[in-house]
Protein backbone atom coordinates (compact mmCIF):
# COMPACT_ATOMS: atom_id res chain seq x y z
CA MET A 1 -13.83 -3.46 -41.96
CA VAL A 2 -16.72 -1.75 -44.31
CA GLY A 3 -20.39 -2.72 -43.90
CA LYS A 4 -22.41 -3.28 -46.80
CA LYS A 5 -24.19 -0.21 -48.20
CA GLU A 6 -27.83 0.11 -48.04
CA ASN A 7 -30.66 1.79 -49.97
CA SER A 8 -31.02 5.07 -48.12
CA VAL A 9 -33.88 5.58 -45.53
CA LYS A 10 -35.07 8.87 -44.60
CA CYS A 11 -34.12 10.06 -41.21
CA SER A 12 -37.75 10.93 -40.16
CA ASP A 13 -38.54 7.09 -40.64
CA CYS A 14 -35.39 6.07 -38.65
CA LEU A 15 -36.22 3.64 -35.68
CA GLY A 16 -33.72 5.28 -33.78
CA ARG A 17 -34.11 8.67 -34.45
CA GLU A 18 -36.40 9.76 -31.12
CA TYR A 19 -33.40 8.84 -29.10
CA GLY A 20 -30.47 10.40 -31.08
CA ILE A 21 -28.90 13.90 -31.42
CA PHE A 22 -31.29 14.65 -34.33
CA CYS A 23 -34.54 14.23 -32.35
CA ASP A 24 -35.10 17.41 -32.40
CA SER A 25 -34.49 18.22 -36.12
CA THR A 26 -37.32 18.87 -38.67
CA GLY A 27 -37.56 19.99 -42.31
CA ASP A 28 -34.66 20.93 -44.37
CA ASP A 29 -31.91 20.12 -41.43
CA LEU A 30 -33.44 16.90 -41.32
CA SER A 31 -33.64 16.65 -45.04
CA LYS A 32 -29.92 17.61 -44.79
CA VAL A 33 -28.84 15.08 -43.05
CA SER A 34 -30.50 12.35 -45.25
CA GLU A 35 -29.08 13.64 -48.24
CA HIS A 36 -25.58 13.63 -46.91
CA LYS A 37 -25.80 10.25 -44.50
CA ILE A 38 -24.18 6.74 -46.08
CA VAL A 39 -26.15 3.80 -44.56
CA ASN A 40 -24.39 0.68 -44.08
CA THR A 41 -25.36 -3.03 -42.66
CA TYR A 42 -23.00 -4.72 -40.71
CA SER A 43 -23.10 -8.32 -39.89
CA LYS A 44 -21.86 -10.10 -36.60
CA GLY A 45 -18.65 -9.63 -36.12
CA GLN A 46 -17.73 -6.68 -38.29
CA THR A 47 -15.91 -3.60 -36.89
CA LEU A 48 -17.39 -0.40 -37.88
CA PHE A 49 -13.84 1.29 -36.88
CA VAL A 50 -10.60 0.31 -35.11
CA GLN A 51 -8.51 1.73 -31.85
CA GLY A 52 -5.95 3.85 -33.03
CA ASN A 53 -7.46 4.82 -36.47
CA PRO A 54 -8.18 8.57 -37.37
CA PRO A 55 -11.49 9.64 -37.28
CA TYR A 56 -13.24 10.36 -40.66
CA GLY A 57 -16.88 10.93 -39.75
CA MET A 58 -19.55 10.05 -36.71
CA TYR A 59 -21.66 6.96 -36.63
CA CYS A 60 -25.50 6.85 -35.68
CA VAL A 61 -27.23 3.32 -35.08
CA SER A 62 -30.33 2.84 -36.36
CA GLN A 63 -30.84 -0.92 -35.91
CA GLY A 64 -29.08 -3.05 -33.69
CA ASN A 65 -26.23 -3.32 -30.79
CA ILE A 66 -22.70 -2.60 -31.04
CA LYS A 67 -19.89 -3.13 -28.26
CA VAL A 68 -17.24 -0.79 -27.75
CA THR A 69 -13.97 -2.08 -26.75
CA LYS A 70 -10.77 -1.06 -25.43
CA MET A 71 -7.27 -2.83 -25.79
CA GLY A 72 -5.35 -2.63 -22.19
CA GLU A 73 -1.39 -2.42 -22.09
CA ASP A 74 -1.87 -6.09 -21.06
CA GLY A 75 -3.31 -6.91 -24.35
CA ARG A 76 -6.86 -7.82 -22.74
CA GLU A 77 -9.95 -6.27 -24.22
CA ALA A 78 -12.40 -4.62 -21.97
CA ILE A 79 -15.98 -3.63 -22.89
CA VAL A 80 -17.20 -0.19 -21.96
CA ARG A 81 -20.24 0.51 -23.75
CA ILE A 82 -23.35 -1.42 -25.65
CA ALA A 83 -24.31 0.95 -28.30
CA THR A 84 -27.98 0.84 -29.62
CA LYS A 85 -30.66 2.52 -31.55
CA GLY A 86 -30.57 5.96 -31.45
CA ASP A 87 -26.59 6.19 -29.75
CA VAL A 88 -23.55 7.60 -31.68
CA LEU A 89 -20.24 6.59 -32.19
CA GLY A 90 -17.10 8.18 -32.90
CA HIS A 91 -18.25 11.52 -31.75
CA ARG A 92 -15.33 12.50 -29.09
CA SER A 93 -12.45 11.38 -31.43
CA LEU A 94 -14.07 13.53 -34.02
CA PHE A 95 -14.42 16.64 -31.81
CA THR A 96 -10.88 16.26 -29.92
CA ASP A 97 -8.98 15.73 -33.50
CA GLN A 98 -7.62 12.30 -31.52
CA TYR A 99 -7.50 9.05 -32.85
CA TYR A 100 -10.26 6.53 -31.60
CA SER A 101 -9.78 5.25 -28.54
CA ALA A 102 -11.47 1.97 -28.67
CA THR A 103 -13.11 -0.20 -31.35
CA ALA A 104 -16.75 -0.97 -32.24
CA THR A 105 -17.86 -4.13 -33.12
CA ALA A 106 -21.69 -5.25 -34.19
CA LEU A 107 -22.96 -7.84 -31.50
CA GLU A 108 -25.62 -8.53 -34.44
CA ASP A 109 -26.98 -7.83 -37.95
CA CYS A 110 -26.85 -4.02 -37.59
CA VAL A 111 -28.12 -0.78 -39.65
CA VAL A 112 -25.62 2.14 -39.28
CA CYS A 113 -25.64 5.56 -40.63
CA PHE A 114 -22.21 7.42 -41.35
CA LEU A 115 -21.99 11.22 -41.60
CA ASP A 116 -18.52 12.37 -42.77
CA LYS A 117 -16.38 15.00 -40.37
CA LYS A 118 -16.66 18.07 -42.86
CA PHE A 119 -20.73 17.80 -42.89
CA ILE A 120 -20.86 17.12 -39.09
CA LEU A 121 -18.79 19.86 -37.80
CA LYS A 122 -20.74 22.30 -40.07
CA MET A 123 -24.02 21.29 -38.96
CA VAL A 124 -23.02 21.44 -35.41
CA GLN A 125 -21.99 25.25 -36.19
CA GLU A 126 -25.36 26.03 -37.82
CA THR A 127 -27.70 24.12 -35.92
CA PRO A 128 -28.15 25.00 -32.09
CA SER A 129 -30.41 21.94 -31.47
CA ILE A 130 -27.63 19.78 -32.63
CA ALA A 131 -24.70 20.76 -30.88
CA THR A 132 -27.00 21.07 -27.91
CA ASN A 133 -27.93 17.27 -28.14
CA LEU A 134 -24.44 16.39 -28.62
CA ILE A 135 -23.19 18.15 -25.97
CA SER A 136 -25.80 16.71 -23.70
CA LYS A 137 -24.34 13.30 -25.26
CA LEU A 138 -20.89 13.73 -24.51
CA GLY A 139 -22.10 14.70 -20.68
CA ARG A 140 -23.96 11.54 -20.10
CA ASP A 141 -21.13 9.39 -21.65
CA MET A 142 -18.85 11.03 -19.25
CA GLY A 143 -21.35 10.19 -16.39
CA ALA A 144 -21.86 6.88 -17.32
CA ALA A 145 -17.35 6.22 -17.55
CA GLU A 146 -17.63 8.28 -13.97
CA ASN A 147 -20.33 5.49 -12.55
CA ARG A 148 -18.25 2.85 -13.82
CA VAL A 149 -14.92 3.79 -12.64
CA ALA A 150 -17.01 4.26 -9.17
CA SER A 151 -18.90 1.07 -9.52
CA MET A 152 -15.67 -1.24 -10.48
CA SER A 153 -13.44 0.33 -7.79
CA GLN A 154 -16.19 0.28 -4.69
CA LYS A 155 -18.29 -2.87 -5.56
CA ASN A 156 -17.95 -6.50 -5.46
CA VAL A 157 -18.30 -8.84 -8.35
CA ARG A 158 -21.91 -9.68 -7.41
CA GLU A 159 -22.85 -6.01 -6.88
CA ARG A 160 -21.49 -5.23 -10.33
CA LEU A 161 -23.36 -8.07 -11.95
CA ALA A 162 -26.63 -7.18 -10.24
CA GLU A 163 -26.34 -3.64 -11.45
CA LEU A 164 -25.40 -4.84 -15.14
CA ILE A 165 -28.53 -6.74 -15.57
CA LEU A 166 -30.52 -3.83 -13.87
CA LEU A 167 -28.67 -1.30 -16.35
CA LEU A 168 -29.52 -3.87 -19.33
CA LYS A 169 -33.51 -3.93 -18.26
CA GLU A 170 -33.34 -0.29 -18.78
CA SER A 171 -31.95 -0.12 -22.17
CA HIS A 172 -32.86 -3.28 -23.82
CA GLY A 173 -36.01 -4.83 -21.51
CA VAL A 174 -38.93 -5.83 -22.84
CA VAL A 175 -41.74 -6.68 -20.58
CA GLU A 176 -43.43 -10.28 -20.88
CA GLU A 177 -45.92 -12.22 -18.66
CA GLY A 178 -44.84 -10.16 -15.71
CA ARG A 179 -41.22 -10.59 -15.88
CA VAL A 180 -38.51 -8.51 -17.98
CA ARG A 181 -36.53 -10.18 -21.40
CA LEU A 182 -33.19 -8.90 -21.52
CA ASP A 183 -33.43 -8.38 -25.56
CA LEU A 184 -29.69 -8.59 -25.84
CA LYS A 185 -27.82 -11.71 -26.29
CA LEU A 186 -23.96 -11.62 -24.52
CA THR A 187 -21.72 -14.49 -24.30
CA ARG A 188 -20.44 -14.82 -20.75
CA GLU A 189 -17.26 -13.76 -21.83
CA GLU A 190 -18.67 -10.26 -23.12
CA MET A 191 -20.60 -9.93 -19.59
CA ALA A 192 -17.67 -10.54 -17.56
CA SER A 193 -15.34 -8.66 -19.55
CA ILE A 194 -17.75 -5.40 -19.11
CA ILE A 195 -18.00 -5.75 -14.88
CA GLY A 196 -14.29 -6.78 -14.96
CA THR A 197 -14.05 -10.52 -13.55
CA ALA A 198 -13.68 -13.78 -14.98
CA PRO A 199 -15.99 -15.83 -16.95
CA GLU A 200 -16.28 -18.45 -14.12
CA THR A 201 -16.77 -15.97 -11.58
CA LEU A 202 -19.77 -14.33 -13.51
CA ILE A 203 -21.07 -17.93 -13.97
CA ARG A 204 -21.07 -18.84 -10.25
CA PHE A 205 -22.81 -15.40 -9.20
CA LEU A 206 -25.01 -16.07 -12.20
CA SER A 207 -26.40 -19.51 -11.13
CA GLU A 208 -26.58 -17.82 -7.36
CA LEU A 209 -28.96 -14.91 -8.76
CA LYS A 210 -31.03 -17.80 -10.44
CA LYS A 211 -31.08 -20.03 -7.05
CA GLU A 212 -32.62 -16.75 -5.33
CA GLY A 213 -34.89 -16.40 -7.95
CA PHE A 214 -33.98 -13.10 -9.28
CA ILE A 215 -33.28 -13.83 -12.55
CA ALA A 216 -34.31 -16.94 -14.92
CA GLN A 217 -32.71 -18.48 -17.93
CA GLU A 218 -34.40 -19.85 -21.03
CA GLY A 219 -31.77 -20.99 -23.64
CA LYS A 220 -29.62 -17.90 -23.76
CA VAL A 221 -32.08 -15.47 -23.01
CA LEU A 222 -31.91 -14.06 -19.56
CA TYR A 223 -34.94 -12.90 -17.77
CA LEU A 224 -34.81 -10.43 -14.67
CA VAL A 225 -38.10 -11.83 -12.44
CA ASP A 226 -37.59 -9.65 -8.96
CA GLU A 227 -36.20 -6.26 -9.80
CA LYS A 228 -36.96 -4.98 -6.28
CA GLY A 229 -35.30 -8.20 -5.06
CA LEU A 230 -32.16 -7.99 -6.79
CA VAL A 231 -31.49 -4.54 -6.03
CA ASP A 232 -31.80 -4.87 -2.33
CA PHE A 233 -29.62 -8.57 -2.88
CA ALA A 234 -27.10 -6.33 -4.52
CA ASN A 235 -27.06 -3.28 -1.76
CA ILE A 236 -26.82 -0.96 -4.28
CA SER A 237 -28.93 2.38 -4.74
CA TYR A 238 -31.05 2.25 -8.11
């Protein structure tokens, strides 16, 4: 599914630039990226790319949140990552010349820039800073994947849920009056998918964390109230 094309926004004015692979780019290099990128908007539920399809380029998230999911052999979908402003998508498949190993879907209205394969490969060859930032990004992704595997195999559901809330605090936390609002609305099914459990189990442990005073909920919005207490409660290194 293709998003709606938007008027081009200069990379120098992008809200996610300081977090992305072009953060060190200036002058002509940044102008080249601005000239070649295609800016699209995606509504909630629209897909950027689908698992099993060939890659034609790389996606840079300017605004919004995108879930990256993998379909298992049993037909069940698992969320492996939440991408936000400054993140890139599709880069691993692009450089390994493999089909997309996951599907990317907008969790809300998003603005995403697309760079075609030929152009991004040329930029990587000619611009050391972009190549270095991409290597760094791939390394961080690999580290996160390794941590996820370790968490799934070594920790119980309560610990995985606490860890998820703490990670969301780092990536989407907004400080409000002595507590932290998680500025990302995930359904209970989506949260359960991330930590590998059933929605009913997730709901039970969320209620437990609320009763203990570690988190609070207003409508569909979660707040982290006692970070240190949550870390101690979960018995994790953070």
